[in-house]
Amino acid sequence: MKEKHVIEILENSPLASLTESELLTVRSHAEGCLACRRAYEVAQLSTLLIKGRAAETIEPSPFFQTRVLAALREQQASNNVPVLSRLWKSAGALVSSMAVTTAALAALSFLAPDAGMGTSQENTAALNPYSAEAVVFNQDQSDEMTDEQVLSAIYTDEGEAR
């Protein structure tokens, strides 16, 4: 036993959990070995400190319970906020800006389309005698078209469609 030190036994388990045979082995070896004796004394001291610390009762501060209950009430109050209210807080700016944009586009679509439409329809009817407007309004149409009239009718329709 002199070759093997009992420090390993003391390090692997607490002094209070050692069996009687292990305690006898540790004590007998500690009498002859200075390093093991120091380890045994340290183990005894740490056991006493742990027992003393475990026996202490720590009282919370006087307002601890009040603070905890206040925090709990605040958390419960924030969870009771309606879902739509929480949703509006997070997405209100986006929804508002989208509503303003939609209103502006609606106003422009009702007010602005009359500004330039009349002149382009008149130009189309004048350049293309076989346009939809000319046929519907039964305007004067000649039976024969020149090459220039055909080309202008074809290319004018393509240019306006784009």
C-alpha atoms as a PDB file:
ATOM      1  CA  MET A   1       0.000   0.000   0.000  1.00  0.00           C
ATOM      2  CA  LYS A   2       3.005   2.273   0.463  1.00  0.00           C
ATOM      3  CA  GLU A   3       3.537   2.443  -3.345  1.00  0.00           C
ATOM      4  CA  LYS A   4      -0.043   3.465  -4.069  1.00  0.00           C
ATOM      5  CA  HIS A   5      -1.247   6.709  -2.547  1.00  0.00           C
ATOM      6  CA  VAL A   6      -4.799   7.204  -1.264  1.00  0.00           C
ATOM      7  CA  ILE A   7      -5.112  10.627  -2.873  1.00  0.00           C
ATOM      8  CA  GLU A   8      -6.924   8.921  -5.778  1.00  0.00           C
ATOM      9  CA  ILE A   9      -9.584   7.591  -3.376  1.00  0.00           C
ATOM     10  CA  LEU A  10     -10.081  11.049  -1.867  1.00  0.00           C
ATOM     11  CA  GLU A  11     -10.320  12.735  -5.271  1.00  0.00           C
ATOM     12  CA  ASN A  12     -12.816  10.249  -6.741  1.00  0.00           C
ATOM     13  CA  SER A  13     -15.475  10.461  -4.026  1.00  0.00           C
ATOM     14  CA  PRO A  14     -16.406  12.760  -1.129  1.00  0.00           C
ATOM     15  CA  LEU A  15     -15.064  11.903   2.318  1.00  0.00           C
ATOM     16  CA  ALA A  16     -18.599  11.504   3.702  1.00  0.00           C
ATOM     17  CA  SER A  17     -19.455   8.803   1.141  1.00  0.00           C
ATOM     18  CA  LEU A  18     -16.414   6.571   1.843  1.00  0.00           C
ATOM     19  CA  THR A  19     -17.054   3.210   3.476  1.00  0.00           C
ATOM     20  CA  GLU A  20     -15.493   2.271   6.831  1.00  0.00           C
ATOM     21  CA  SER A  21     -12.863   0.058   5.168  1.00  0.00           C
ATOM     22  CA  GLU A  22     -11.849   2.872   2.818  1.00  0.00           C
ATOM     23  CA  LEU A  23     -11.645   5.337   5.720  1.00  0.00           C
ATOM     24  CA  LEU A  24      -9.412   2.925   7.680  1.00  0.00           C
ATOM     25  CA  THR A  25      -7.187   2.517   4.631  1.00  0.00           C
ATOM     26  CA  VAL A  26      -6.930   6.288   4.136  1.00  0.00           C
ATOM     27  CA  ARG A  27      -6.184   6.948   7.833  1.00  0.00           C
ATOM     28  CA  SER A  28      -3.536   4.236   8.105  1.00  0.00           C
ATOM     29  CA  HIS A  29      -1.786   5.345   4.940  1.00  0.00           C
ATOM     30  CA  ALA A  30      -2.018   9.060   5.920  1.00  0.00           C
ATOM     31  CA  GLU A  31      -0.053   8.371   9.124  1.00  0.00           C
ATOM     32  CA  GLY A  32       3.018   7.383   7.125  1.00  0.00           C
ATOM     33  CA  CYS A  33       2.713   9.564   4.002  1.00  0.00           C
ATOM     34  CA  LEU A  34       2.923  13.342   4.304  1.00  0.00           C
ATOM     35  CA  ALA A  35       1.255  14.118   0.917  1.00  0.00           C
ATOM     36  CA  CYS A  36      -1.672  11.794   1.676  1.00  0.00           C
ATOM     37  CA  ARG A  37      -2.059  13.244   5.164  1.00  0.00           C
ATOM     38  CA  ARG A  38      -2.380  16.748   3.706  1.00  0.00           C
ATOM     39  CA  ALA A  39      -4.945  15.484   1.173  1.00  0.00           C
ATOM     40  CA  TYR A  40      -6.924  13.785   3.988  1.00  0.00           C
ATOM     41  CA  GLU A  41      -6.890  16.970   6.099  1.00  0.00           C
ATOM     42  CA  VAL A  42      -8.015  19.052   3.109  1.00  0.00           C
ATOM     43  CA  ALA A  43     -10.827  16.559   2.468  1.00  0.00           C
ATOM     44  CA  GLN A  44     -11.940  16.800   6.107  1.00  0.00           C
ATOM     45  CA  LEU A  45     -11.838  20.609   5.986  1.00  0.00           C
ATOM     46  CA  SER A  46     -13.798  20.779   2.724  1.00  0.00           C
ATOM     47  CA  THR A  47     -16.432  18.406   4.147  1.00  0.00           C
ATOM     48  CA  LEU A  48     -16.846  20.683   7.183  1.00  0.00           C
ATOM     49  CA  LEU A  49     -17.109  23.780   4.981  1.00  0.00           C
ATOM     50  CA  ILE A  50     -19.724  22.176   2.743  1.00  0.00           C
ATOM     51  CA  LYS A  51     -21.805  21.045   5.727  1.00  0.00           C
ATOM     52  CA  GLY A  52     -21.567  24.517   7.290  1.00  0.00           C
ATOM     53  CA  ARG A  53     -22.584  26.222   4.049  1.00  0.00           C
ATOM     54  CA  ALA A  54     -25.490  23.824   3.522  1.00  0.00           C
ATOM     55  CA  ALA A  55     -26.761  24.528   7.045  1.00  0.00           C
ATOM     56  CA  GLU A  56     -26.965  28.277   6.387  1.00  0.00           C
ATOM     57  CA  THR A  57     -30.285  29.709   5.354  1.00  0.00           C
ATOM     58  CA  ILE A  58     -30.250  32.767   3.160  1.00  0.00           C
ATOM     59  CA  GLU A  59     -33.200  35.083   3.480  1.00  0.00           C
ATOM     60  CA  PRO A  60     -34.163  37.032   0.374  1.00  0.00           C
ATOM     61  CA  SER A  61     -34.226  40.804   0.474  1.00  0.00           C
ATOM     62  CA  PRO A  62     -37.416  42.335   1.905  1.00  0.00           C
ATOM     63  CA  PHE A  63     -38.734  43.457  -1.486  1.00  0.00           C
ATOM     64  CA  PHE A  64     -37.754  40.332  -3.454  1.00  0.00           C
ATOM     65  CA  GLN A  65     -41.242  38.845  -3.420  1.00  0.00           C
ATOM     66  CA  THR A  66     -42.785  42.183  -4.395  1.00  0.00           C
ATOM     67  CA  ARG A  67     -40.450  42.588  -7.364  1.00  0.00           C
ATOM     68  CA  VAL A  68     -41.027  39.020  -8.569  1.00  0.00           C
ATOM     69  CA  LEU A  69     -44.804  39.346  -8.321  1.00  0.00           C
ATOM     70  CA  ALA A  70     -44.731  42.734 -10.088  1.00  0.00           C
ATOM     71  CA  ALA A  71     -42.673  41.278 -12.931  1.00  0.00           C
ATOM     72  CA  LEU A  72     -45.063  38.335 -13.174  1.00  0.00           C
ATOM     73  CA  ARG A  73     -48.107  40.649 -13.335  1.00  0.00           C
ATOM     74  CA  GLU A  74     -46.436  42.789 -15.980  1.00  0.00           C
ATOM     75  CA  GLN A  75     -45.677  39.739 -18.092  1.00  0.00           C
ATOM     76  CA  GLN A  76     -49.244  38.479 -17.781  1.00  0.00           C
ATOM     77  CA  ALA A  77     -50.592  41.921 -18.688  1.00  0.00           C
ATOM     78  CA  SER A  78     -48.462  42.057 -21.830  1.00  0.00           C
ATOM     79  CA  ASN A  79     -49.731  38.617 -22.859  1.00  0.00           C
ATOM     80  CA  ASN A  80     -53.366  39.770 -22.488  1.00  0.00           C
ATOM     81  CA  VAL A  81     -53.004  42.419 -25.227  1.00  0.00           C
ATOM     82  CA  PRO A  82     -55.258  41.494 -28.172  1.00  0.00           C
ATOM     83  CA  VAL A  83     -53.589  39.906 -31.157  1.00  0.00           C
ATOM     84  CA  LEU A  84     -54.702  42.636 -33.561  1.00  0.00           C
ATOM     85  CA  SER A  85     -53.184  45.302 -31.341  1.00  0.00           C
ATOM     86  CA  ARG A  86     -49.815  43.539 -31.256  1.00  0.00           C
ATOM     87  CA  LEU A  87     -50.003  42.958 -35.016  1.00  0.00           C
ATOM     88  CA  TRP A  88     -50.791  46.638 -35.659  1.00  0.00           C
ATOM     89  CA  LYS A  89     -47.826  47.718 -33.520  1.00  0.00           C
ATOM     90  CA  SER A  90     -45.453  45.628 -35.605  1.00  0.00           C
ATOM     91  CA  ALA A  91     -46.934  46.198 -39.084  1.00  0.00           C
ATOM     92  CA  GLY A  92     -48.813  49.500 -38.755  1.00  0.00           C
ATOM     93  CA  ALA A  93     -46.312  51.627 -40.660  1.00  0.00           C
ATOM     94  CA  LEU A  94     -46.207  49.184 -43.560  1.00  0.00           C
ATOM     95  CA  VAL A  95     -49.994  48.934 -43.816  1.00  0.00           C
ATOM     96  CA  SER A  96     -50.372  52.722 -43.590  1.00  0.00           C
ATOM     97  CA  SER A  97     -47.847  53.360 -46.356  1.00  0.00           C
ATOM     98  CA  MET A  98     -49.496  50.740 -48.571  1.00  0.00           C
ATOM     99  CA  ALA A  99     -52.926  52.371 -48.032  1.00  0.00           C
ATOM    100  CA  VAL A 100     -51.580  55.831 -48.939  1.00  0.00           C
ATOM    101  CA  THR A 101     -49.899  54.433 -52.068  1.00  0.00           C
ATOM    102  CA  THR A 102     -53.102  52.661 -53.134  1.00  0.00           C
ATOM    103  CA  ALA A 103     -55.150  55.831 -52.622  1.00  0.00           C
ATOM    104  CA  ALA A 104     -52.662  57.884 -54.656  1.00  0.00           C
ATOM    105  CA  LEU A 105     -52.694  55.363 -57.523  1.00  0.00           C
ATOM    106  CA  ALA A 106     -56.504  55.246 -57.494  1.00  0.00           C
ATOM    107  CA  ALA A 107     -56.697  59.037 -57.651  1.00  0.00           C
ATOM    108  CA  LEU A 108     -54.218  59.161 -60.539  1.00  0.00           C
ATOM    109  CA  SER A 109     -56.068  56.465 -62.469  1.00  0.00           C
ATOM    110  CA  PHE A 110     -59.377  58.378 -62.245  1.00  0.00           C
ATOM    111  CA  LEU A 111     -58.019  61.878 -62.850  1.00  0.00           C
ATOM    112  CA  ALA A 112     -55.172  61.412 -65.344  1.00  0.00           C
ATOM    113  CA  PRO A 113     -56.420  59.026 -68.107  1.00  0.00           C
ATOM    114  CA  ASP A 114     -58.428  61.729 -69.934  1.00  0.00           C
ATOM    115  CA  ALA A 115     -55.398  63.962 -70.388  1.00  0.00           C
ATOM    116  CA  GLY A 116     -53.791  62.343 -73.461  1.00  0.00           C
ATOM    117  CA  MET A 117     -56.208  59.679 -74.688  1.00  0.00           C
ATOM    118  CA  GLY A 118     -58.290  61.770 -77.092  1.00  0.00           C
ATOM    119  CA  THR A 119     -55.412  62.893 -79.264  1.00  0.00           C
ATOM    120  CA  SER A 120     -53.875  59.448 -79.731  1.00  0.00           C
ATOM    121  CA  GLN A 121     -57.238  57.923 -80.782  1.00  0.00           C
ATOM    122  CA  GLU A 122     -57.810  60.684 -83.255  1.00  0.00           C
ATOM    123  CA  ASN A 123     -54.300  60.255 -84.659  1.00  0.00           C
ATOM    124  CA  THR A 124     -54.804  56.520 -84.990  1.00  0.00           C
ATOM    125  CA  ALA A 125     -58.089  56.922 -86.865  1.00  0.00           C
ATOM    126  CA  ALA A 126     -56.577  59.490 -89.220  1.00  0.00           C
ATOM    127  CA  LEU A 127     -53.516  57.387 -90.065  1.00  0.00           C
ATOM    128  CA  ASN A 128     -55.242  54.035 -90.328  1.00  0.00           C
ATOM    129  CA  PRO A 129     -58.473  54.035 -92.288  1.00  0.00           C
ATOM    130  CA  TYR A 130     -59.120  50.417 -91.351  1.00  0.00           C
ATOM    131  CA  SER A 131     -58.769  50.825 -87.631  1.00  0.00           C
ATOM    132  CA  ALA A 132     -61.395  49.550 -85.240  1.00  0.00           C
ATOM    133  CA  GLU A 133     -62.728  53.056 -84.716  1.00  0.00           C
ATOM    134  CA  ALA A 134     -63.162  53.633 -88.446  1.00  0.00           C
ATOM    135  CA  VAL A 135     -65.047  50.397 -88.924  1.00  0.00           C
ATOM    136  CA  VAL A 136     -67.300  50.871 -85.882  1.00  0.00           C
ATOM    137  CA  PHE A 137     -68.171  54.472 -86.718  1.00  0.00           C
ATOM    138  CA  ASN A 138     -68.562  53.558 -90.421  1.00  0.00           C
ATOM    139  CA  GLN A 139     -66.270  56.255 -91.590  1.00  0.00           C
ATOM    140  CA  ASP A 140     -65.416  56.666 -95.235  1.00  0.00           C
ATOM    141  CA  GLN A 141     -63.245  53.795 -96.400  1.00  0.00           C
ATOM    142  CA  SER A 142     -61.831  53.427 -99.868  1.00  0.00           C
ATOM    143  CA  ASP A 143     -61.567  49.986-101.461  1.00  0.00           C
ATOM    144  CA  GLU A 144     -57.996  50.292-102.559  1.00  0.00           C
ATOM    145  CA  MET A 145     -55.087  51.157-100.336  1.00  0.00           C
ATOM    146  CA  THR A 146     -51.696  52.316-101.418  1.00  0.00           C
ATOM    147  CA  ASP A 147     -48.534  50.636-100.233  1.00  0.00           C
ATOM    148  CA  GLU A 148     -47.786  53.628 -98.073  1.00  0.00           C
ATOM    149  CA  GLN A 149     -51.153  53.360 -96.329  1.00  0.00           C
ATOM    150  CA  VAL A 150     -50.633  49.629 -95.676  1.00  0.00           C
ATOM    151  CA  LEU A 151     -47.170  50.134 -94.249  1.00  0.00           C
ATOM    152  CA  SER A 152     -48.239  53.056 -92.061  1.00  0.00           C
ATOM    153  CA  ALA A 153     -51.231  51.072 -90.788  1.00  0.00           C
ATOM    154  CA  ILE A 154     -49.022  48.094 -89.926  1.00  0.00           C
ATOM    155  CA  TYR A 155     -46.212  50.013 -88.293  1.00  0.00           C
ATOM    156  CA  THR A 156     -48.419  52.538 -86.519  1.00  0.00           C
ATOM    157  CA  ASP A 157     -50.386  49.755 -84.813  1.00  0.00           C
ATOM    158  CA  GLU A 158     -47.197  48.016 -83.667  1.00  0.00           C
ATOM    159  CA  GLY A 159     -45.680  51.221 -82.313  1.00  0.00           C
ATOM    160  CA  GLU A 160     -48.782  52.075 -80.285  1.00  0.00           C
ATOM    161  CA  ALA A 161     -49.166  48.556 -78.925  1.00  0.00           C
ATOM    162  CA  ARG A 162     -45.786  48.743 -77.342  1.00  0.00           C
END
